[in-house]
PDB file of N, CA and C in Angstrom:
ATOM      1  N   MET A   1     148.604  56.225  41.205  1.00  0.00           N
ATOM      2  CA  MET A   1     149.356  57.365  40.707  1.00  0.00           C
ATOM      3  C   MET A   1     150.530  57.647  41.652  1.00  0.00           C
ATOM      4  N   THR A   2     151.697  57.838  41.087  1.00  0.00           N
ATOM      5  CA  THR A   2     152.900  58.088  41.858  1.00  0.00           C
ATOM      6  C   THR A   2     152.909  59.520  42.377  1.00  0.00           C
ATOM      7  N   HIS A   3     153.213  59.655  43.667  1.00  0.00           N
ATOM      8  CA  HIS A   3     153.354  60.972  44.286  1.00  0.00           C
ATOM      9  C   HIS A   3     154.620  61.631  43.754  1.00  0.00           C
ATOM     10  N   LYS A   4     154.574  62.930  43.496  1.00  0.00           N
ATOM     11  CA  LYS A   4     155.741  63.643  42.984  1.00  0.00           C
ATOM     12  C   LYS A   4     156.116  64.779  43.926  1.00  0.00           C
ATOM     13  N   VAL A   5     157.390  65.156  43.861  1.00  0.00           N
ATOM     14  CA  VAL A   5     157.895  66.306  44.613  1.00  0.00           C
ATOM     15  C   VAL A   5     158.715  67.162  43.661  1.00  0.00           C
ATOM     16  N   PHE A   6     158.886  68.438  44.022  1.00  0.00           N
ATOM     17  CA  PHE A   6     159.845  69.251  43.293  1.00  0.00           C
ATOM     18  C   PHE A   6     161.189  68.955  43.927  1.00  0.00           C
ATOM     19  N   CYS A   7     162.031  68.245  43.198  1.00  0.00           N
ATOM     20  CA  CYS A   7     163.296  67.757  43.730  1.00  0.00           C
ATOM     21  C   CYS A   7     164.351  68.858  43.738  1.00  0.00           C
ATOM     22  N   GLN A   8     164.952  69.076  44.910  1.00  0.00           N
ATOM     23  CA  GLN A   8     165.998  70.086  45.059  1.00  0.00           C
ATOM     24  C   GLN A   8     167.294  69.690  44.356  1.00  0.00           C
ATOM     25  N   VAL A   9     167.486  68.420  44.101  1.00  0.00           N
ATOM     26  CA  VAL A   9     168.685  67.961  43.389  1.00  0.00           C
ATOM     27  C   VAL A   9     168.490  68.115  41.883  1.00  0.00           C
ATOM     28  N   LEU A  10     167.386  67.617  41.373  1.00  0.00           N
ATOM     29  CA  LEU A  10     167.129  67.632  39.932  1.00  0.00           C
ATOM     30  C   LEU A  10     166.597  68.972  39.441  1.00  0.00           C
ATOM     31  N   LYS A  11     166.064  69.778  40.355  1.00  0.00           N
ATOM     32  CA  LYS A  11     165.463  71.087  40.037  1.00  0.00           C
ATOM     33  C   LYS A  11     164.263  70.944  39.105  1.00  0.00           C
ATOM     34  N   ARG A  12     163.518  69.855  39.335  1.00  0.00           N
ATOM     35  CA  ARG A  12     162.284  69.619  38.571  1.00  0.00           C
ATOM     36  C   ARG A  12     161.411  68.652  39.353  1.00  0.00           C
ATOM     37  N   GLU A  13     160.165  68.530  38.937  1.00  0.00           N
ATOM     38  CA  GLU A  13     159.251  67.588  39.561  1.00  0.00           C
ATOM     39  C   GLU A  13     159.616  66.168  39.139  1.00  0.00           C
ATOM     40  N   ALA A  14     159.592  65.251  40.116  1.00  0.00           N
ATOM     41  CA  ALA A  14     159.956  63.857  39.841  1.00  0.00           C
ATOM     42  C   ALA A  14     159.294  62.962  40.889  1.00  0.00           C
ATOM     43  N   PRO A  15     159.200  61.658  40.617  1.00  0.00           N
ATOM     44  CA  PRO A  15     158.596  60.729  41.576  1.00  0.00           C
ATOM     45  C   PRO A  15     159.300  60.781  42.935  1.00  0.00           C
ATOM     46  N   ALA A  16     158.484  60.836  43.976  1.00  0.00           N
ATOM     47  CA  ALA A  16     158.978  60.968  45.344  1.00  0.00           C
ATOM     48  C   ALA A  16     159.496  59.645  45.892  1.00  0.00           C
ATOM     49  N   LEU A  17     160.236  59.745  46.974  1.00  0.00           N
ATOM     50  CA  LEU A  17     160.630  58.569  47.743  1.00  0.00           C
ATOM     51  C   LEU A  17     159.380  58.006  48.416  1.00  0.00           C
ATOM     52  N   GLU A  18     159.356  56.718  48.651  1.00  0.00           N
ATOM     53  CA  GLU A  18     158.208  56.103  49.299  1.00  0.00           C
ATOM     54  C   GLU A  18     158.209  56.316  50.804  1.00  0.00           C
ATOM     55  N   GLU A  19     159.402  56.454  51.382  1.00  0.00           N
ATOM     56  CA  GLU A  19     159.524  56.693  52.821  1.00  0.00           C
ATOM     57  C   GLU A  19     160.815  57.444  53.092  1.00  0.00           C
ATOM     58  N   ALA A  20     160.890  58.041  54.262  1.00  0.00           N
ATOM     59  CA  ALA A  20     162.081  58.802  54.630  1.00  0.00           C
ATOM     60  C   ALA A  20     163.287  57.863  54.711  1.00  0.00           C
ATOM     61  N   PRO A  21     164.377  58.193  54.020  1.00  0.00           N
ATOM     62  CA  PRO A  21     165.557  57.338  54.020  1.00  0.00           C
ATOM     63  C   PRO A  21     166.540  57.665  55.145  1.00  0.00           C
ATOM     64  N   TYR A  22     166.155  58.613  56.003  1.00  0.00           N
ATOM     65  CA  TYR A  22     167.039  59.108  57.057  1.00  0.00           C
ATOM     66  C   TYR A  22     166.142  59.478  58.230  1.00  0.00           C
ATOM     67  N   PRO A  23     166.617  59.335  59.453  1.00  0.00           N
ATOM     68  CA  PRO A  23     165.747  59.592  60.604  1.00  0.00           C
ATOM     69  C   PRO A  23     165.528  61.086  60.896  1.00  0.00           C
ATOM     70  N   GLY A  24     164.506  61.369  61.677  1.00  0.00           N
ATOM     71  CA  GLY A  24     164.284  62.694  62.236  1.00  0.00           C
ATOM     72  C   GLY A  24     163.832  63.756  61.255  1.00  0.00           C
ATOM     73  N   GLU A  25     164.090  65.010  61.656  1.00  0.00           N
ATOM     74  CA  GLU A  25     163.679  66.154  60.850  1.00  0.00           C
ATOM     75  C   GLU A  25     164.345  66.163  59.483  1.00  0.00           C
ATOM     76  N   ILE A  26     165.605  65.762  59.440  1.00  0.00           N
ATOM     77  CA  ILE A  26     166.305  65.737  58.152  1.00  0.00           C
ATOM     78  C   ILE A  26     165.632  64.739  57.215  1.00  0.00           C
ATOM     79  N   GLY A  27     165.264  63.579  57.730  1.00  0.00           N
ATOM     80  CA  GLY A  27     164.566  62.582  56.923  1.00  0.00           C
ATOM     81  C   GLY A  27     163.252  63.115  56.385  1.00  0.00           C
ATOM     82  N   GLN A  28     162.537  63.866  57.210  1.00  0.00           N
ATOM     83  CA  GLN A  28     161.267  64.454  56.777  1.00  0.00           C
ATOM     84  C   GLN A  28     161.510  65.473  55.661  1.00  0.00           C
ATOM     85  N   ARG A  29     162.538  66.294  55.803  1.00  0.00           N
ATOM     86  CA  ARG A  29     162.883  67.258  54.753  1.00  0.00           C
ATOM     87  C   ARG A  29     163.233  66.541  53.456  1.00  0.00           C
ATOM     88  N   ILE A  30     163.969  65.448  53.575  1.00  0.00           N
ATOM     89  CA  ILE A  30     164.368  64.690  52.387  1.00  0.00           C
ATOM     90  C   ILE A  30     163.142  64.143  51.670  1.00  0.00           C
ATOM     91  N   VAL A  31     162.251  63.499  52.400  1.00  0.00           N
ATOM     92  CA  VAL A  31     161.091  62.881  51.758  1.00  0.00           C
ATOM     93  C   VAL A  31     160.167  63.935  51.134  1.00  0.00           C
ATOM     94  N   GLU A  32     160.170  65.149  51.666  1.00  0.00           N
ATOM     95  CA  GLU A  32     159.320  66.216  51.128  1.00  0.00           C
ATOM     96  C   GLU A  32     159.967  66.968  49.965  1.00  0.00           C
ATOM     97  N   ASN A  33     161.294  66.890  49.831  1.00  0.00           N
ATOM     98  CA  ASN A  33     161.989  67.747  48.874  1.00  0.00           C
ATOM     99  C   ASN A  33     162.961  67.045  47.923  1.00  0.00           C
ATOM    100  N   ILE A  34     163.141  65.753  48.085  1.00  0.00           N
ATOM    101  CA  ILE A  34     164.097  65.025  47.252  1.00  0.00           C
ATOM    102  C   ILE A  34     163.384  63.846  46.590  1.00  0.00           C
ATOM    103  N   SER A  35     163.588  63.704  45.300  1.00  0.00           N
ATOM    104  CA  SER A  35     162.955  62.602  44.567  1.00  0.00           C
ATOM    105  C   SER A  35     163.751  61.308  44.755  1.00  0.00           C
ATOM    106  N   ALA A  36     163.153  60.225  44.324  1.00  0.00           N
ATOM    107  CA  ALA A  36     163.841  58.934  44.375  1.00  0.00           C
ATOM    108  C   ALA A  36     165.119  58.989  43.534  1.00  0.00           C
ATOM    109  N   GLU A  37     165.074  59.635  42.374  1.00  0.00           N
ATOM    110  CA  GLU A  37     166.260  59.763  41.522  1.00  0.00           C
ATOM    111  C   GLU A  37     167.312  60.648  42.179  1.00  0.00           C
ATOM    112  N   GLY A  38     166.893  61.736  42.813  1.00  0.00           N
ATOM    113  CA  GLY A  38     167.829  62.604  43.527  1.00  0.00           C
ATOM    114  C   GLY A  38     168.523  61.866  44.659  1.00  0.00           C
ATOM    115  N   TRP A  39     167.780  61.024  45.371  1.00  0.00           N
ATOM    116  CA  TRP A  39     168.369  60.234  46.454  1.00  0.00           C
ATOM    117  C   TRP A  39     169.355  59.208  45.896  1.00  0.00           C
ATOM    118  N   ARG A  40     169.012  58.592  44.764  1.00  0.00           N
ATOM    119  CA  ARG A  40     169.916  57.632  44.132  1.00  0.00           C
ATOM    120  C   ARG A  40     171.229  58.323  43.748  1.00  0.00           C
ATOM    121  N   GLN A  41     171.129  59.534  43.234  1.00  0.00           N
ATOM    122  CA  GLN A  41     172.343  60.285  42.886  1.00  0.00           C
ATOM    123  C   GLN A  41     173.174  60.579  44.132  1.00  0.00           C
ATOM    124  N   TRP A  42     172.492  60.885  45.252  1.00  0.00           N
ATOM    125  CA  TRP A  42     173.228  61.110  46.499  1.00  0.00           C
ATOM    126  C   TRP A  42     173.970  59.839  46.918  1.00  0.00           C
ATOM    127  N   LEU A  43     173.320  58.690  46.834  1.00  0.00           N
ATOM    128  CA  LEU A  43     173.973  57.440  47.246  1.00  0.00           C
ATOM    129  C   LEU A  43     175.210  57.154  46.407  1.00  0.00           C
ATOM    130  N   GLU A  44     175.164  57.474  45.119  1.00  0.00           N
ATOM    131  CA  GLU A  44     176.345  57.315  44.269  1.00  0.00           C
ATOM    132  C   GLU A  44     177.456  58.256  44.726  1.00  0.00           C
ATOM    133  N   ARG A  45     177.101  59.503  45.000  1.00  0.00           N
ATOM    134  CA  ARG A  45     178.091  60.475  45.469  1.00  0.00           C
ATOM    135  C   ARG A  45     178.635  60.074  46.832  1.00  0.00           C
ATOM    136  N   LEU A  46     177.758  59.566  47.704  1.00  0.00           N
ATOM    137  CA  LEU A  46     178.172  59.132  49.038  1.00  0.00           C
ATOM    138  C   LEU A  46     179.254  58.059  48.947  1.00  0.00           C
ATOM    139  N   THR A  47     179.079  57.105  48.070  1.00  0.00           N
ATOM    140  CA  THR A  47     180.076  56.049  47.900  1.00  0.00           C
ATOM    141  C   THR A  47     181.429  56.652  47.538  1.00  0.00           C
ATOM    142  N   THR A  48     181.431  57.589  46.627  1.00  0.00           N
ATOM    143  CA  THR A  48     182.672  58.239  46.224  1.00  0.00           C
ATOM    144  C   THR A  48     183.283  59.014  47.392  1.00  0.00           C
ATOM    145  N   ILE A  49     182.467  59.767  48.122  1.00  0.00           N
ATOM    146  CA  ILE A  49     182.953  60.563  49.252  1.00  0.00           C
ATOM    147  C   ILE A  49     183.564  59.661  50.317  1.00  0.00           C
ATOM    148  N   ILE A  50     182.885  58.576  50.647  1.00  0.00           N
ATOM    149  CA  ILE A  50     183.403  57.646  51.658  1.00  0.00           C
ATOM    150  C   ILE A  50     184.729  57.047  51.201  1.00  0.00           C
ATOM    151  N   ASN A  51     184.788  56.579  49.969  1.00  0.00           N
ATOM    152  CA  ASN A  51     186.008  55.935  49.478  1.00  0.00           C
ATOM    153  C   ASN A  51     187.167  56.916  49.343  1.00  0.00           C
ATOM    154  N   GLU A  52     186.926  58.056  48.738  1.00  0.00           N
ATOM    155  CA  GLU A  52     188.003  59.009  48.482  1.00  0.00           C
ATOM    156  C   GLU A  52     188.538  59.645  49.767  1.00  0.00           C
ATOM    157  N   ASN A  53     187.670  59.819  50.767  1.00  0.00           N
ATOM    158  CA  ASN A  53     188.089  60.430  52.027  1.00  0.00           C
ATOM    159  C   ASN A  53     188.404  59.393  53.105  1.00  0.00           C
ATOM    160  N   ARG A  54     188.291  58.123  52.736  1.00  0.00           N
ATOM    161  CA  ARG A  54     188.561  57.017  53.654  1.00  0.00           C
ATOM    162  C   ARG A  54     187.763  57.162  54.957  1.00  0.00           C
ATOM    163  N   LEU A  55     186.463  57.404  54.794  1.00  0.00           N
ATOM    164  CA  LEU A  55     185.578  57.563  55.945  1.00  0.00           C
ATOM    165  C   LEU A  55     185.041  56.207  56.386  1.00  0.00           C
ATOM    166  N   SER A  56     184.695  56.125  57.662  1.00  0.00           N
ATOM    167  CA  SER A  56     184.118  54.908  58.221  1.00  0.00           C
ATOM    168  C   SER A  56     182.757  55.244  58.821  1.00  0.00           C
ATOM    169  N   THR A  57     181.755  54.465  58.459  1.00  0.00           N
ATOM    170  CA  THR A  57     180.429  54.694  59.039  1.00  0.00           C
ATOM    171  C   THR A  57     180.354  54.223  60.487  1.00  0.00           C
ATOM    172  N   ALA A  58     181.414  53.630  61.006  1.00  0.00           N
ATOM    173  CA  ALA A  58     181.479  53.221  62.410  1.00  0.00           C
ATOM    174  C   ALA A  58     182.051  54.326  63.295  1.00  0.00           C
ATOM    175  N   ASP A  59     182.583  55.373  62.701  1.00  0.00           N
ATOM    176  CA  ASP A  59     183.194  56.474  63.444  1.00  0.00           C
ATOM    177  C   ASP A  59     182.201  57.634  63.536  1.00  0.00           C
ATOM    178  N   PRO A  60     181.758  57.998  64.756  1.00  0.00           N
ATOM    179  CA  PRO A  60     180.776  59.095  64.906  1.00  0.00           C
ATOM    180  C   PRO A  60     181.235  60.411  64.269  1.00  0.00           C
ATOM    181  N   ARG A  61     182.533  60.709  64.297  1.00  0.00           N
ATOM    182  CA  ARG A  61     183.032  61.938  63.670  1.00  0.00           C
ATOM    183  C   ARG A  61     182.827  61.884  62.162  1.00  0.00           C
ATOM    184  N   HIS A  62     183.028  60.719  61.600  1.00  0.00           N
ATOM    185  CA  HIS A  62     182.845  60.559  60.159  1.00  0.00           C
ATOM    186  C   HIS A  62     181.367  60.646  59.798  1.00  0.00           C
ATOM    187  N   LEU A  63     180.494  60.142  60.658  1.00  0.00           N
ATOM    188  CA  LEU A  63     179.053  60.244  60.398  1.00  0.00           C
ATOM    189  C   LEU A  63     178.620  61.705  60.347  1.00  0.00           C
ATOM    190  N   ASP A  64     179.194  62.531  61.228  1.00  0.00           N
ATOM    191  CA  ASP A  64     178.889  63.965  61.193  1.00  0.00           C
ATOM    192  C   ASP A  64     179.343  64.573  59.869  1.00  0.00           C
ATOM    193  N   MET A  65     180.524  64.167  59.403  1.00  0.00           N
ATOM    194  CA  MET A  65     181.036  64.659  58.121  1.00  0.00           C
ATOM    195  C   MET A  65     180.143  64.196  56.962  1.00  0.00           C
ATOM    196  N   ILE A  66     179.709  62.957  57.022  1.00  0.00           N
ATOM    197  CA  ILE A  66     178.837  62.415  55.976  1.00  0.00           C
ATOM    198  C   ILE A  66     177.522  63.192  55.940  1.00  0.00           C
ATOM    199  N   GLU A  67     176.961  63.485  57.120  1.00  0.00           N
ATOM    200  CA  GLU A  67     175.712  64.248  57.167  1.00  0.00           C
ATOM    201  C   GLU A  67     175.911  65.649  56.579  1.00  0.00           C
ATOM    202  N   GLU A  68     177.044  66.264  56.864  1.00  0.00           N
ATOM    203  CA  GLU A  68     177.333  67.588  56.306  1.00  0.00           C
ATOM    204  C   GLU A  68     177.424  67.514  54.777  1.00  0.00           C
ATOM    205  N   HIS A  69     178.073  66.488  54.260  1.00  0.00           N
ATOM    206  CA  HIS A  69     178.145  66.283  52.810  1.00  0.00           C
ATOM    207  C   HIS A  69     176.741  66.073  52.238  1.00  0.00           C
ATOM    208  N   MET A  70     175.917  65.294  52.928  1.00  0.00           N
ATOM    209  CA  MET A  70     174.560  65.014  52.459  1.00  0.00           C
ATOM    210  C   MET A  70     173.753  66.300  52.354  1.00  0.00           C
ATOM    211  N   LEU A  71     173.813  67.140  53.393  1.00  0.00           N
ATOM    212  CA  LEU A  71     173.070  68.399  53.371  1.00  0.00           C
ATOM    213  C   LEU A  71     173.593  69.328  52.278  1.00  0.00           C
ATOM    214  N   GLY A  72     174.897  69.300  52.057  1.00  0.00           N
ATOM    215  CA  GLY A  72     175.460  70.100  50.980  1.00  0.00           C
ATOM    216  C   GLY A  72     175.003  69.622  49.617  1.00  0.00           C
ATOM    217  N   PHE A  73     175.013  68.313  49.403  1.00  0.00           N
ATOM    218  CA  PHE A  73     174.610  67.759  48.115  1.00  0.00           C
ATOM    219  C   PHE A  73     173.115  67.944  47.865  1.00  0.00           C
ATOM    220  N   LEU A  74     172.300  67.596  48.854  1.00  0.00           N
ATOM    221  CA  LEU A  74     170.850  67.616  48.660  1.00  0.00           C
ATOM    222  C   LEU A  74     170.253  69.016  48.675  1.00  0.00           C
ATOM    223  N   PHE A  75     170.743  69.870  49.599  1.00  0.00           N
ATOM    224  CA  PHE A  75     170.107  71.164  49.816  1.00  0.00           C
ATOM    225  C   PHE A  75     171.040  72.351  49.598  1.00  0.00           C
ATOM    226  N   ASN A  76     172.278  72.082  49.172  1.00  0.00           N
ATOM    227  CA  ASN A  76     173.260  73.136  48.933  1.00  0.00           C
ATOM    228  C   ASN A  76     173.451  74.020  50.165  1.00  0.00           C
ATOM    229  N   GLU A  77     173.490  73.390  51.351  1.00  0.00           N
ATOM    230  CA  GLU A  77     173.585  74.117  52.610  1.00  0.00           C
ATOM    231  C   GLU A  77     175.017  74.269  53.112  1.00  0.00           C
ATOM    232  N   SER A  78     175.964  73.746  52.391  1.00  0.00           N
ATOM    233  CA  SER A  78     177.360  73.901  52.797  1.00  0.00           C
ATOM    234  C   SER A  78     178.228  73.739  51.558  1.00  0.00           C
ATOM    235  N   ASP A  79     179.523  73.897  51.764  1.00  0.00           N
ATOM    236  CA  ASP A  79     180.463  73.709  50.662  1.00  0.00           C
ATOM    237  C   ASP A  79     180.769  72.232  50.451  1.00  0.00           C
ATOM    238  N   GLN A  80     180.178  71.376  51.266  1.00  0.00           N
ATOM    239  CA  GLN A  80     180.418  69.938  51.182  1.00  0.00           C
ATOM    240  C   GLN A  80     179.460  69.299  50.178  1.00  0.00           C
ATOM    241  N   GLY A  81     179.706  68.033  49.885  1.00  0.00           N
ATOM    242  CA  GLY A  81     178.827  67.276  49.001  1.00  0.00           C
ATOM    243  C   GLY A  81     179.320  67.201  47.572  1.00  0.00           C
ATOM    244  N   HIS A  82     180.345  67.974  47.265  1.00  0.00           N
ATOM    245  CA  HIS A  82     180.923  67.946  45.923  1.00  0.00           C
ATOM    246  C   HIS A  82     181.909  66.788  45.836  1.00  0.00           C
ATOM    247  N   LEU A  83     182.306  66.466  44.634  1.00  0.00           N
ATOM    248  CA  LEU A  83     183.329  65.435  44.470  1.00  0.00           C
ATOM    249  C   LEU A  83     184.617  65.902  45.135  1.00  0.00           C
ATOM    250  N   PRO A  84     185.349  64.987  45.767  1.00  0.00           N
ATOM    251  CA  PRO A  84     186.596  65.356  46.430  1.00  0.00           C
ATOM    252  C   PRO A  84     187.580  66.004  45.456  1.00  0.00           C
ATOM    253  N   SER A  85     188.350  66.953  45.972  1.00  0.00           N
ATOM    254  CA  SER A  85     189.355  67.645  45.179  1.00  0.00           C
ATOM    255  C   SER A  85     190.312  66.632  44.539  1.00  0.00           C
ATOM    256  N   GLY A  86     190.548  66.793  43.254  1.00  0.00           N
ATOM    257  CA  GLY A  86     191.459  65.908  42.546  1.00  0.00           C
ATOM    258  C   GLY A  86     190.854  64.569  42.150  1.00  0.00           C
ATOM    259  N   TYR A  87     189.560  64.379  42.398  1.00  0.00           N
ATOM    260  CA  TYR A  87     188.916  63.104  42.071  1.00  0.00           C
ATOM    261  C   TYR A  87     188.910  62.875  40.566  1.00  0.00           C
ATOM    262  N   VAL A  88     189.328  61.689  40.162  1.00  0.00           N
ATOM    263  CA  VAL A  88     189.294  61.267  38.767  1.00  0.00           C
ATOM    264  C   VAL A  88     188.562  59.936  38.733  1.00  0.00           C
ATOM    265  N   PRO A  89     187.395  59.882  38.074  1.00  0.00           N
ATOM    266  CA  PRO A  89     186.652  58.612  38.037  1.00  0.00           C
ATOM    267  C   PRO A  89     187.447  57.520  37.318  1.00  0.00           C
ATOM    268  N   ARG A  90     187.308  56.313  37.827  1.00  0.00           N
ATOM    269  CA  ARG A  90     187.963  55.175  37.187  1.00  0.00           C
ATOM    270  C   ARG A  90     187.241  54.844  35.903  1.00  0.00           C
ATOM    271  N   ASP A  91     188.001  54.368  34.943  1.00  0.00           N
ATOM    272  CA  ASP A  91     187.428  53.927  33.673  1.00  0.00           C
ATOM    273  C   ASP A  91     186.675  52.628  33.931  1.00  0.00           C
ATOM    274  N   LYS A  92     185.342  52.658  33.753  1.00  0.00           N
ATOM    275  CA  LYS A  92     184.511  51.490  34.051  1.00  0.00           C
ATOM    276  C   LYS A  92     184.677  50.369  33.034  1.00  0.00           C
ATOM    277  N   SER A  93     185.327  50.646  31.906  1.00  0.00           N
ATOM    278  CA  SER A  93     185.492  49.601  30.894  1.00  0.00           C
ATOM    279  C   SER A  93     186.662  48.679  31.206  1.00  0.00           C
ATOM    280  N   SER A  94     187.512  49.052  32.194  1.00  0.00           N
ATOM    281  CA  SER A  94     188.669  48.212  32.516  1.00  0.00           C
ATOM    282  C   SER A  94     188.293  47.088  33.430  1.00  0.00           C
TER     283      SER A  94
END
């Protein structure tokens, strides 16, 4: 039987992550409060945030910004995590 959590992203019960996808206390909070689907949605948003803001995962300052976006998206703890201002998704059919 699949373990379920009340997902803070989906606002409903859903299958949990199998393991913490992030280290430390934040990772523990994620595994206890975010479903596998909620985490997948975060990864999609993360890709957009990195590309649109031209962030680098090799830059410690950018990692701090990414973490702030993650907390905003997953737990609504900041104004971050939303799609970048002026973002227009590309037409996937092209």
